[in-house]
Amino acid sequence: MAEIIQRDGTWTFDGDTLRLVPGHDKNVGLLRKTLGELEVPIRAVAGISFEQGKKQGRLRLRLREGADPLTQVSGGKLADATDPYHLTVESDRYGVAEYFVDEVRNALLLEQVPADPCTEYLLTGPSVPLSVSAGDGTASFDGERVRLEWKWNTEEAKAASGTRTLALEDIESVEWQPSAGLENGYLRFKVRNASTKAPPKYDPNAIELWGFKKDPLMALVAAAVQARLPHPAQTPAPADQPKALTPAPAPAGDDPDALLRRLRELGELHQAGILTDEEFTMAKQAVLKRL
C-alpha cells in the first residue's frame, strides 16, 4: 500500500482504490472539506503526475473523461486549493510523492486501464440532500427535486417569479461557471420547454455568483444533479455516427495465466519502443509482485 500524509490531506492507494481525504489546514478549500473523503477506483484514473517546486510540490490526479460528475460539470475550472484531485506536498516528502506516482502508474499498466472516455459514472458524486446558499440565492437538491430560493439582493424581476422547484425529470442539463475577473459566475439549469437566453442575473432557473468563499460549493449541487442525469455517453448518436464500443474487460487481477500474458505484452511493447527501459522495468516489477 502507498500512502502520503500532508497537512493538505492524505492520499492512500491499495492497488485497486485511491482514497483522498482532505486535510484540516487553513488553505484547504471549502469545497474539499464539504465533499469529504473520496474513493476513486483505479479504472477511473487516466493518469497521475507530481510537480516539484522549491518549497512545495503538487500531486495531480487526472480522471478519465466521463468518470466523475464533479469533473464533468467543473471542466477543469476549480482552483488548486478547491480541486479534490490536487494535493500540496511539502519538500521533505518529495520522495514519498514520487513513490506514490510510481505505484499508481504501475497499477494503470498492470490493469490495462483504457484511456478512452467512460460510458458511465464510476464515482457517485456528492451525497444528498444538499443545500448551498451563495450569490443571489439558495440551491437545494434532495435527489429528486431542485429548489431555488432568492435572497434580498436578487434582481427584482427574477425574485418576482418566486421560489422555483424543478423536478429532476424536467432538467435537461446543469452548468456551473465560476467567477473570473469582472465576470460573475453562475449555476444554471436548462429546463425542458423553458429555454431562455437571459443572463443569470435575470434567469429564474439560475443563481448568479459573485466570487465569494461559498461560490465553489454550487459546483457540488451541479455535480449531484449531473450524477443523476443521463450520462453524456448515453445521449443518442446521430444516425450516421456509429455507437461507441464497450471496452473489453481487463483480465482477472491475480490470475497467473493473465499475469504471464501481461508480461509477454509488456516485453513486446518494450521491444517495439512504446515503453522506455524505465517504464518497462517498473511495469514488470509490478506484475511480478502479483504472481
C-alpha atoms as a PDB file:
ATOM      1  CA  MET A   1       0.000   0.000   0.000  1.00  0.00           C
ATOM      2  CA  ALA A   2       1.199   3.524  -0.784  1.00  0.00           C
ATOM      3  CA  GLU A   3       0.312   6.477   1.431  1.00  0.00           C
ATOM      4  CA  ILE A   4       1.270  10.121   1.650  1.00  0.00           C
ATOM      5  CA  ILE A   5       0.180  12.215   4.652  1.00  0.00           C
ATOM      6  CA  GLN A   6       0.319  16.010   4.413  1.00  0.00           C
ATOM      7  CA  ARG A   7      -1.315  18.988   6.094  1.00  0.00           C
ATOM      8  CA  ASP A   8      -3.230  19.445   2.850  1.00  0.00           C
ATOM      9  CA  GLY A   9      -4.641  15.927   3.052  1.00  0.00           C
ATOM     10  CA  THR A  10      -3.906  12.208   2.938  1.00  0.00           C
ATOM     11  CA  TRP A  11      -3.850  10.032  -0.168  1.00  0.00           C
ATOM     12  CA  THR A  12      -3.811   6.236   0.137  1.00  0.00           C
ATOM     13  CA  PHE A  13      -3.624   3.612  -2.625  1.00  0.00           C
ATOM     14  CA  ASP A  14      -4.175  -0.113  -2.028  1.00  0.00           C
ATOM     15  CA  GLY A  15      -3.742  -1.268  -5.624  1.00  0.00           C
ATOM     16  CA  ASP A  16      -7.432  -1.003  -6.503  1.00  0.00           C
ATOM     17  CA  THR A  17      -8.721   2.235  -4.960  1.00  0.00           C
ATOM     18  CA  LEU A  18      -7.330   5.672  -4.161  1.00  0.00           C
ATOM     19  CA  ARG A  19      -8.712   7.258  -1.002  1.00  0.00           C
ATOM     20  CA  LEU A  20      -8.411  11.027  -0.943  1.00  0.00           C
ATOM     21  CA  VAL A  21      -9.014  12.653   2.435  1.00  0.00           C
ATOM     22  CA  PRO A  22      -8.840  16.462   2.751  1.00  0.00           C
ATOM     23  CA  GLY A  23      -6.655  17.919   5.498  1.00  0.00           C
ATOM     24  CA  HIS A  24      -7.535  20.496   8.140  1.00  0.00           C
ATOM     25  CA  ASP A  25      -5.024  23.129   7.038  1.00  0.00           C
ATOM     26  CA  LYS A  26      -6.438  26.645   6.621  1.00  0.00           C
ATOM     27  CA  ASN A  27      -5.500  26.575   2.929  1.00  0.00           C
ATOM     28  CA  VAL A  28      -7.747  23.586   2.178  1.00  0.00           C
ATOM     29  CA  GLY A  29     -10.694  24.826   0.128  1.00  0.00           C
ATOM     30  CA  LEU A  30     -14.242  24.759   1.487  1.00  0.00           C
ATOM     31  CA  LEU A  31     -15.411  22.532  -1.366  1.00  0.00           C
ATOM     32  CA  ARG A  32     -12.887  19.826  -0.448  1.00  0.00           C
ATOM     33  CA  LYS A  33     -13.819  19.983   3.227  1.00  0.00           C
ATOM     34  CA  THR A  34     -17.526  19.759   2.432  1.00  0.00           C
ATOM     35  CA  LEU A  35     -17.102  16.937  -0.083  1.00  0.00           C
ATOM     36  CA  GLY A  36     -15.058  14.897   2.399  1.00  0.00           C
ATOM     37  CA  GLU A  37     -13.333  11.590   1.641  1.00  0.00           C
ATOM     38  CA  LEU A  38     -13.364  10.334  -1.935  1.00  0.00           C
ATOM     39  CA  GLU A  39     -12.872   6.763  -3.116  1.00  0.00           C
ATOM     40  CA  VAL A  40     -11.561   6.632  -6.676  1.00  0.00           C
ATOM     41  CA  PRO A  41     -11.352   3.206  -8.381  1.00  0.00           C
ATOM     42  CA  ILE A  42      -8.188   2.720 -10.417  1.00  0.00           C
ATOM     43  CA  ARG A  43     -10.293   2.162 -13.554  1.00  0.00           C
ATOM     44  CA  ALA A  44     -11.490   5.783 -13.261  1.00  0.00           C
ATOM     45  CA  VAL A  45      -7.931   7.147 -13.409  1.00  0.00           C
ATOM     46  CA  ALA A  46      -6.368   8.463 -16.614  1.00  0.00           C
ATOM     47  CA  GLY A  47      -3.020   9.489 -15.108  1.00  0.00           C
ATOM     48  CA  ILE A  48      -1.123  10.990 -12.194  1.00  0.00           C
ATOM     49  CA  SER A  49       1.746  13.466 -12.033  1.00  0.00           C
ATOM     50  CA  PHE A  50       3.953  15.174  -9.478  1.00  0.00           C
ATOM     51  CA  GLU A  51       5.288  18.696  -9.977  1.00  0.00           C
ATOM     52  CA  GLN A  52       8.185  19.805  -7.795  1.00  0.00           C
ATOM     53  CA  GLY A  53       8.697  23.349  -6.550  1.00  0.00           C
ATOM     54  CA  LYS A  54      11.359  24.948  -4.374  1.00  0.00           C
ATOM     55  CA  LYS A  55       9.251  24.793  -1.207  1.00  0.00           C
ATOM     56  CA  GLN A  56       6.203  22.787  -2.202  1.00  0.00           C
ATOM     57  CA  GLY A  57       5.170  20.361  -4.896  1.00  0.00           C
ATOM     58  CA  ARG A  58       1.798  19.197  -6.150  1.00  0.00           C
ATOM     59  CA  LEU A  59       0.311  15.796  -6.879  1.00  0.00           C
ATOM     60  CA  ARG A  60      -2.300  15.882  -9.615  1.00  0.00           C
ATOM     61  CA  LEU A  61      -4.689  13.037 -10.302  1.00  0.00           C
ATOM     62  CA  ARG A  62      -6.330  13.074 -13.728  1.00  0.00           C
ATOM     63  CA  LEU A  63      -9.557  11.124 -14.217  1.00  0.00           C
ATOM     64  CA  ARG A  64     -10.903   9.589 -17.388  1.00  0.00           C
ATOM     65  CA  GLU A  65     -13.400  11.720 -19.242  1.00  0.00           C
ATOM     66  CA  GLY A  66     -16.918  10.945 -18.064  1.00  0.00           C
ATOM     67  CA  ALA A  67     -15.818   9.076 -14.916  1.00  0.00           C
ATOM     68  CA  ASP A  68     -16.778  11.716 -12.354  1.00  0.00           C
ATOM     69  CA  PRO A  69     -19.836  14.031 -12.339  1.00  0.00           C
ATOM     70  CA  LEU A  70     -17.928  16.740 -10.436  1.00  0.00           C
ATOM     71  CA  THR A  71     -15.136  16.802 -13.017  1.00  0.00           C
ATOM     72  CA  GLN A  72     -17.792  16.747 -15.737  1.00  0.00           C
ATOM     73  CA  VAL A  73     -19.514  19.937 -14.537  1.00  0.00           C
ATOM     74  CA  SER A  74     -16.397  21.804 -13.360  1.00  0.00           C
ATOM     75  CA  GLY A  75     -14.496  21.263 -16.606  1.00  0.00           C
ATOM     76  CA  GLY A  76     -11.080  21.974 -15.081  1.00  0.00           C
ATOM     77  CA  LYS A  77     -12.219  25.336 -13.672  1.00  0.00           C
ATOM     78  CA  LEU A  78     -11.723  24.539  -9.988  1.00  0.00           C
ATOM     79  CA  ALA A  79      -8.875  26.401  -8.277  1.00  0.00           C
ATOM     80  CA  ASP A  80      -5.981  24.287  -6.982  1.00  0.00           C
ATOM     81  CA  ALA A  81      -6.973  24.743  -3.319  1.00  0.00           C
ATOM     82  CA  THR A  82     -10.525  23.693  -4.187  1.00  0.00           C
ATOM     83  CA  ASP A  83      -9.802  20.792  -6.542  1.00  0.00           C
ATOM     84  CA  PRO A  84     -10.111  17.464  -4.614  1.00  0.00           C
ATOM     85  CA  TYR A  85      -7.753  15.802  -7.105  1.00  0.00           C
ATOM     86  CA  HIS A  86      -4.797  18.048  -6.209  1.00  0.00           C
ATOM     87  CA  LEU A  87      -2.559  17.605  -3.148  1.00  0.00           C
ATOM     88  CA  THR A  88       0.088  20.046  -1.922  1.00  0.00           C
ATOM     89  CA  VAL A  89       3.293  18.206  -0.947  1.00  0.00           C
ATOM     90  CA  GLU A  90       5.987  19.570   1.386  1.00  0.00           C
ATOM     91  CA  SER A  91       9.570  19.380   0.071  1.00  0.00           C
ATOM     92  CA  ASP A  92      10.627  16.751   2.642  1.00  0.00           C
ATOM     93  CA  ARG A  93       8.039  14.340   1.195  1.00  0.00           C
ATOM     94  CA  TYR A  94       9.025  14.565  -2.465  1.00  0.00           C
ATOM     95  CA  GLY A  95      10.413  11.023  -2.403  1.00  0.00           C
ATOM     96  CA  VAL A  96       7.153   9.669  -0.981  1.00  0.00           C
ATOM     97  CA  ALA A  97       5.172  11.525  -3.656  1.00  0.00           C
ATOM     98  CA  GLU A  98       7.322  10.063  -6.445  1.00  0.00           C
ATOM     99  CA  TYR A  99       6.887   6.564  -4.999  1.00  0.00           C
ATOM    100  CA  PHE A 100       3.108   7.130  -4.835  1.00  0.00           C
ATOM    101  CA  VAL A 101       3.079   8.174  -8.505  1.00  0.00           C
ATOM    102  CA  ASP A 102       5.074   5.076  -9.499  1.00  0.00           C
ATOM    103  CA  GLU A 103       2.651   2.767  -7.675  1.00  0.00           C
ATOM    104  CA  VAL A 104      -0.407   4.276  -9.364  1.00  0.00           C
ATOM    105  CA  ARG A 105       1.230   4.241 -12.800  1.00  0.00           C
ATOM    106  CA  ASN A 106       2.272   0.608 -12.341  1.00  0.00           C
ATOM    107  CA  ALA A 107      -1.312  -0.291 -11.463  1.00  0.00           C
ATOM    108  CA  LEU A 108      -2.611   1.532 -14.548  1.00  0.00           C
ATOM    109  CA  LEU A 109      -0.235  -0.516 -16.726  1.00  0.00           C
ATOM    110  CA  LEU A 110      -0.956  -3.761 -14.932  1.00  0.00           C
ATOM    111  CA  GLU A 111      -4.731  -3.366 -15.027  1.00  0.00           C
ATOM    112  CA  GLN A 112      -4.608  -2.077 -18.617  1.00  0.00           C
ATOM    113  CA  VAL A 113      -6.946   0.782 -17.746  1.00  0.00           C
ATOM    114  CA  PRO A 114      -8.134   2.234 -21.078  1.00  0.00           C
ATOM    115  CA  ALA A 115      -7.637   5.890 -21.883  1.00  0.00           C
ATOM    116  CA  ASP A 116     -10.987   6.230 -23.668  1.00  0.00           C
ATOM    117  CA  PRO A 117     -13.900   8.121 -22.127  1.00  0.00           C
ATOM    118  CA  CYS A 118     -16.168   6.242 -19.712  1.00  0.00           C
ATOM    119  CA  THR A 119     -19.689   5.286 -20.737  1.00  0.00           C
ATOM    120  CA  GLU A 120     -20.958   5.528 -17.146  1.00  0.00           C
ATOM    121  CA  TYR A 121     -20.015   7.393 -13.997  1.00  0.00           C
ATOM    122  CA  LEU A 122     -17.524   5.478 -11.860  1.00  0.00           C
ATOM    123  CA  LEU A 123     -17.888   7.903  -8.934  1.00  0.00           C
ATOM    124  CA  THR A 124     -21.233   8.595  -7.299  1.00  0.00           C
ATOM    125  CA  GLY A 125     -20.926  12.360  -6.916  1.00  0.00           C
ATOM    126  CA  PRO A 126     -21.779  14.410  -3.786  1.00  0.00           C
ATOM    127  CA  SER A 127     -24.274  12.901  -1.368  1.00  0.00           C
ATOM    128  CA  VAL A 128     -27.762  14.353  -0.964  1.00  0.00           C
ATOM    129  CA  PRO A 129     -29.718  16.114   0.457  1.00  0.00           C
ATOM    130  CA  LEU A 130     -27.533  19.117  -0.258  1.00  0.00           C
ATOM    131  CA  SER A 131     -28.201  22.836   0.220  1.00  0.00           C
ATOM    132  CA  VAL A 132     -25.910  25.759  -0.603  1.00  0.00           C
ATOM    133  CA  SER A 133     -26.511  29.470  -0.119  1.00  0.00           C
ATOM    134  CA  ALA A 134     -24.307  31.750  -2.225  1.00  0.00           C
ATOM    135  CA  GLY A 135     -24.613  34.584  -4.698  1.00  0.00           C
ATOM    136  CA  ASP A 136     -28.191  35.741  -5.110  1.00  0.00           C
ATOM    137  CA  GLY A 137     -29.916  32.577  -3.926  1.00  0.00           C
ATOM    138  CA  THR A 138     -30.003  29.180  -2.260  1.00  0.00           C
ATOM    139  CA  ALA A 139     -29.972  25.916  -4.215  1.00  0.00           C
ATOM    140  CA  SER A 140     -31.195  22.711  -2.558  1.00  0.00           C
ATOM    141  CA  PHE A 141     -31.332  19.209  -4.030  1.00  0.00           C
ATOM    142  CA  ASP A 142     -32.836  16.092  -2.421  1.00  0.00           C
ATOM    143  CA  GLY A 143     -32.122  13.660  -5.235  1.00  0.00           C
ATOM    144  CA  GLU A 144     -35.463  14.236  -6.975  1.00  0.00           C
ATOM    145  CA  ARG A 145     -36.108  17.987  -6.966  1.00  0.00           C
ATOM    146  CA  VAL A 146     -34.057  21.176  -7.159  1.00  0.00           C
ATOM    147  CA  ARG A 147     -35.352  24.108  -5.132  1.00  0.00           C
ATOM    148  CA  LEU A 148     -34.158  27.670  -5.865  1.00  0.00           C
ATOM    149  CA  GLU A 149     -34.885  30.379  -3.302  1.00  0.00           C
ATOM    150  CA  TRP A 150     -33.961  34.029  -3.659  1.00  0.00           C
ATOM    151  CA  LYS A 151     -32.195  36.451  -1.324  1.00  0.00           C
ATOM    152  CA  TRP A 152     -32.815  40.108  -0.592  1.00  0.00           C
ATOM    153  CA  ASN A 153     -30.193  41.104  -3.175  1.00  0.00           C
ATOM    154  CA  THR A 154     -31.761  39.168  -6.055  1.00  0.00           C
ATOM    155  CA  GLU A 155     -32.741  41.188  -9.116  1.00  0.00           C
ATOM    156  CA  GLU A 156     -36.355  42.250  -8.583  1.00  0.00           C
ATOM    157  CA  ALA A 157     -37.624  40.807 -11.858  1.00  0.00           C
ATOM    158  CA  LYS A 158     -36.203  37.363 -11.012  1.00  0.00           C
ATOM    159  CA  ALA A 159     -37.301  37.427  -7.378  1.00  0.00           C
ATOM    160  CA  ALA A 160     -40.843  38.221  -8.513  1.00  0.00           C
ATOM    161  CA  SER A 161     -41.054  34.743 -10.065  1.00  0.00           C
ATOM    162  CA  GLY A 162     -40.938  33.286  -6.556  1.00  0.00           C
ATOM    163  CA  THR A 163     -39.283  30.108  -5.300  1.00  0.00           C
ATOM    164  CA  ARG A 164     -38.582  27.620  -8.087  1.00  0.00           C
ATOM    165  CA  THR A 165     -38.990  23.840  -7.766  1.00  0.00           C
ATOM    166  CA  LEU A 166     -37.579  21.811 -10.655  1.00  0.00           C
ATOM    167  CA  ALA A 167     -38.267  18.090 -10.944  1.00  0.00           C
ATOM    168  CA  LEU A 168     -35.208  16.068 -11.966  1.00  0.00           C
ATOM    169  CA  GLU A 169     -37.024  14.591 -14.963  1.00  0.00           C
ATOM    170  CA  ASP A 170     -37.638  18.128 -16.292  1.00  0.00           C
ATOM    171  CA  ILE A 171     -33.951  19.109 -16.181  1.00  0.00           C
ATOM    172  CA  GLU A 172     -32.069  18.619 -19.435  1.00  0.00           C
ATOM    173  CA  SER A 173     -28.665  19.789 -18.219  1.00  0.00           C
ATOM    174  CA  VAL A 174     -26.862  21.721 -15.497  1.00  0.00           C
ATOM    175  CA  GLU A 175     -23.989  24.166 -15.868  1.00  0.00           C
ATOM    176  CA  TRP A 176     -21.634  25.690 -13.311  1.00  0.00           C
ATOM    177  CA  GLN A 177     -19.338  28.591 -14.154  1.00  0.00           C
ATOM    178  CA  PRO A 178     -17.009  30.233 -11.599  1.00  0.00           C
ATOM    179  CA  SER A 179     -16.436  33.974 -11.457  1.00  0.00           C
ATOM    180  CA  ALA A 180     -13.469  35.178 -13.492  1.00  0.00           C
ATOM    181  CA  GLY A 181     -12.175  38.741 -13.267  1.00  0.00           C
ATOM    182  CA  LEU A 182     -15.090  41.114 -13.688  1.00  0.00           C
ATOM    183  CA  GLU A 183     -17.355  38.345 -14.992  1.00  0.00           C
ATOM    184  CA  ASN A 184     -19.757  36.834 -12.457  1.00  0.00           C
ATOM    185  CA  GLY A 185     -20.253  33.077 -12.298  1.00  0.00           C
ATOM    186  CA  TYR A 186     -23.486  31.098 -12.159  1.00  0.00           C
ATOM    187  CA  LEU A 187     -25.283  27.819 -11.557  1.00  0.00           C
ATOM    188  CA  ARG A 188     -27.844  27.304 -14.308  1.00  0.00           C
ATOM    189  CA  PHE A 189     -30.407  24.595 -15.010  1.00  0.00           C
ATOM    190  CA  LYS A 190     -31.689  24.052 -18.528  1.00  0.00           C
ATOM    191  CA  VAL A 191     -35.328  23.012 -18.252  1.00  0.00           C
ATOM    192  CA  ARG A 192     -37.321  21.259 -20.976  1.00  0.00           C
ATOM    193  CA  ASN A 193     -39.623  23.569 -22.916  1.00  0.00           C
ATOM    194  CA  ALA A 194     -38.370  26.596 -20.966  1.00  0.00           C
ATOM    195  CA  SER A 195     -35.246  27.701 -22.782  1.00  0.00           C
ATOM    196  CA  THR A 196     -34.060  31.255 -22.190  1.00  0.00           C
ATOM    197  CA  LYS A 197     -31.189  33.449 -23.305  1.00  0.00           C
ATOM    198  CA  ALA A 198     -31.477  35.732 -20.302  1.00  0.00           C
ATOM    199  CA  PRO A 199     -28.257  36.284 -18.311  1.00  0.00           C
ATOM    200  CA  PRO A 200     -28.110  34.531 -14.900  1.00  0.00           C
ATOM    201  CA  LYS A 201     -28.978  37.804 -13.173  1.00  0.00           C
ATOM    202  CA  TYR A 202     -32.484  37.608 -14.705  1.00  0.00           C
ATOM    203  CA  ASP A 203     -32.864  33.861 -15.348  1.00  0.00           C
ATOM    204  CA  PRO A 204     -35.263  32.283 -12.794  1.00  0.00           C
ATOM    205  CA  ASN A 205     -33.546  28.909 -13.350  1.00  0.00           C
ATOM    206  CA  ALA A 206     -30.089  30.242 -12.485  1.00  0.00           C
ATOM    207  CA  ILE A 207     -28.210  31.565  -9.468  1.00  0.00           C
ATOM    208  CA  GLU A 208     -25.692  34.336 -10.089  1.00  0.00           C
ATOM    209  CA  LEU A 209     -22.347  34.001  -8.274  1.00  0.00           C
ATOM    210  CA  TRP A 210     -20.032  36.856  -7.360  1.00  0.00           C
ATOM    211  CA  GLY A 211     -16.781  35.139  -6.447  1.00  0.00           C
ATOM    212  CA  PHE A 212     -17.176  34.800  -2.687  1.00  0.00           C
ATOM    213  CA  LYS A 213     -15.962  31.945  -0.469  1.00  0.00           C
ATOM    214  CA  LYS A 214     -19.046  29.718  -0.749  1.00  0.00           C
ATOM    215  CA  ASP A 215     -19.457  30.051  -4.515  1.00  0.00           C
ATOM    216  CA  PRO A 216     -17.493  26.857  -5.368  1.00  0.00           C
ATOM    217  CA  LEU A 217     -19.968  24.845  -3.275  1.00  0.00           C
ATOM    218  CA  MET A 218     -22.526  25.420  -6.029  1.00  0.00           C
ATOM    219  CA  ALA A 219     -20.372  23.059  -8.113  1.00  0.00           C
ATOM    220  CA  LEU A 220     -21.334  20.316  -5.639  1.00  0.00           C
ATOM    221  CA  VAL A 221     -25.036  20.952  -6.289  1.00  0.00           C
ATOM    222  CA  ALA A 222     -24.343  20.836 -10.024  1.00  0.00           C
ATOM    223  CA  ALA A 223     -22.404  17.571  -9.648  1.00  0.00           C
ATOM    224  CA  ALA A 224     -25.104  15.936  -7.509  1.00  0.00           C
ATOM    225  CA  VAL A 225     -27.692  16.720 -10.205  1.00  0.00           C
ATOM    226  CA  GLN A 226     -25.327  15.725 -13.034  1.00  0.00           C
ATOM    227  CA  ALA A 227     -24.772  12.314 -11.398  1.00  0.00           C
ATOM    228  CA  ARG A 228     -28.497  11.603 -11.722  1.00  0.00           C
ATOM    229  CA  LEU A 229     -28.936  12.819 -15.301  1.00  0.00           C
ATOM    230  CA  PRO A 230     -28.247  10.542 -18.279  1.00  0.00           C
ATOM    231  CA  HIS A 231     -24.516  10.096 -18.808  1.00  0.00           C
ATOM    232  CA  PRO A 232     -23.212  12.161 -21.764  1.00  0.00           C
ATOM    233  CA  ALA A 233     -22.136   8.941 -23.489  1.00  0.00           C
ATOM    234  CA  GLN A 234     -25.738   7.700 -23.357  1.00  0.00           C
ATOM    235  CA  THR A 235     -27.013  10.566 -25.483  1.00  0.00           C
ATOM    236  CA  PRO A 236     -28.260   9.019 -28.751  1.00  0.00           C
ATOM    237  CA  ALA A 237     -25.741   9.497 -31.552  1.00  0.00           C
ATOM    238  CA  PRO A 238     -26.799  10.834 -34.970  1.00  0.00           C
ATOM    239  CA  ALA A 239     -27.914   8.157 -37.414  1.00  0.00           C
ATOM    240  CA  ASP A 240     -24.696   8.457 -39.451  1.00  0.00           C
ATOM    241  CA  GLN A 241     -22.432   8.197 -36.384  1.00  0.00           C
ATOM    242  CA  PRO A 242     -21.502   4.707 -35.111  1.00  0.00           C
ATOM    243  CA  LYS A 243     -22.136   3.896 -31.473  1.00  0.00           C
ATOM    244  CA  ALA A 244     -19.190   3.795 -29.114  1.00  0.00           C
ATOM    245  CA  LEU A 245     -17.792   0.343 -28.475  1.00  0.00           C
ATOM    246  CA  THR A 246     -17.797  -1.003 -24.939  1.00  0.00           C
ATOM    247  CA  PRO A 247     -14.212  -1.558 -23.739  1.00  0.00           C
ATOM    248  CA  ALA A 248     -13.233  -5.192 -23.262  1.00  0.00           C
ATOM    249  CA  PRO A 249     -12.962  -6.233 -19.626  1.00  0.00           C
ATOM    250  CA  ALA A 250      -9.496  -6.379 -18.104  1.00  0.00           C
ATOM    251  CA  PRO A 251      -8.078  -9.787 -17.176  1.00  0.00           C
ATOM    252  CA  ALA A 252      -8.539 -11.018 -13.642  1.00  0.00           C
ATOM    253  CA  GLY A 253      -6.083  -9.279 -11.316  1.00  0.00           C
ATOM    254  CA  ASP A 254      -4.343 -12.318  -9.742  1.00  0.00           C
ATOM    255  CA  ASP A 255      -4.831 -14.975 -12.452  1.00  0.00           C
ATOM    256  CA  PRO A 256      -1.287 -16.344 -13.087  1.00  0.00           C
ATOM    257  CA  ASP A 257      -2.007 -17.023 -16.760  1.00  0.00           C
ATOM    258  CA  ALA A 258      -3.309 -13.492 -17.243  1.00  0.00           C
ATOM    259  CA  LEU A 259      -0.264 -12.045 -15.486  1.00  0.00           C
ATOM    260  CA  LEU A 260       2.111 -14.105 -17.621  1.00  0.00           C
ATOM    261  CA  ARG A 261       0.322 -12.892 -20.747  1.00  0.00           C
ATOM    262  CA  ARG A 262       0.716  -9.364 -19.441  1.00  0.00           C
ATOM    263  CA  LEU A 263       4.466  -9.906 -19.029  1.00  0.00           C
ATOM    264  CA  ARG A 264       4.715 -11.025 -22.646  1.00  0.00           C
ATOM    265  CA  GLU A 265       2.696  -7.989 -23.774  1.00  0.00           C
ATOM    266  CA  LEU A 266       4.974  -5.653 -21.815  1.00  0.00           C
ATOM    267  CA  GLY A 267       8.017  -7.283 -23.416  1.00  0.00           C
ATOM    268  CA  GLU A 268       6.541  -6.748 -26.887  1.00  0.00           C
ATOM    269  CA  LEU A 269       5.726  -3.102 -26.088  1.00  0.00           C
ATOM    270  CA  HIS A 270       9.298  -2.611 -24.847  1.00  0.00           C
ATOM    271  CA  GLN A 271      10.832  -4.187 -27.941  1.00  0.00           C
ATOM    272  CA  ALA A 272       8.615  -2.032 -30.140  1.00  0.00           C
ATOM    273  CA  GLY A 273       9.896   1.098 -28.386  1.00  0.00           C
ATOM    274  CA  ILE A 274       6.494   2.040 -26.956  1.00  0.00           C
ATOM    275  CA  LEU A 275       7.732   1.570 -23.365  1.00  0.00           C
ATOM    276  CA  THR A 276      11.046   3.052 -22.214  1.00  0.00           C
ATOM    277  CA  ASP A 277      13.514   0.910 -20.259  1.00  0.00           C
ATOM    278  CA  GLU A 278      12.419   2.568 -17.023  1.00  0.00           C
ATOM    279  CA  GLU A 279       8.706   2.152 -17.741  1.00  0.00           C
ATOM    280  CA  PHE A 280       9.210  -1.489 -18.716  1.00  0.00           C
ATOM    281  CA  THR A 281      11.176  -2.235 -15.552  1.00  0.00           C
ATOM    282  CA  MET A 282       8.581  -0.635 -13.270  1.00  0.00           C
ATOM    283  CA  ALA A 283       5.668  -2.350 -15.014  1.00  0.00           C
ATOM    284  CA  LYS A 284       7.419  -5.745 -14.981  1.00  0.00           C
ATOM    285  CA  GLN A 285       8.167  -5.440 -11.270  1.00  0.00           C
ATOM    286  CA  ALA A 286       4.538  -4.585 -10.583  1.00  0.00           C
ATOM    287  CA  VAL A 287       3.385  -7.720 -12.433  1.00  0.00           C
ATOM    288  CA  LEU A 288       5.916  -9.943 -10.699  1.00  0.00           C
ATOM    289  CA  LYS A 289       4.656  -8.750  -7.310  1.00  0.00           C
ATOM    290  CA  ARG A 290       1.231 -10.124  -8.201  1.00  0.00           C
ATOM    291  CA  LEU A 291       2.479 -13.601  -9.202  1.00  0.00           C
END
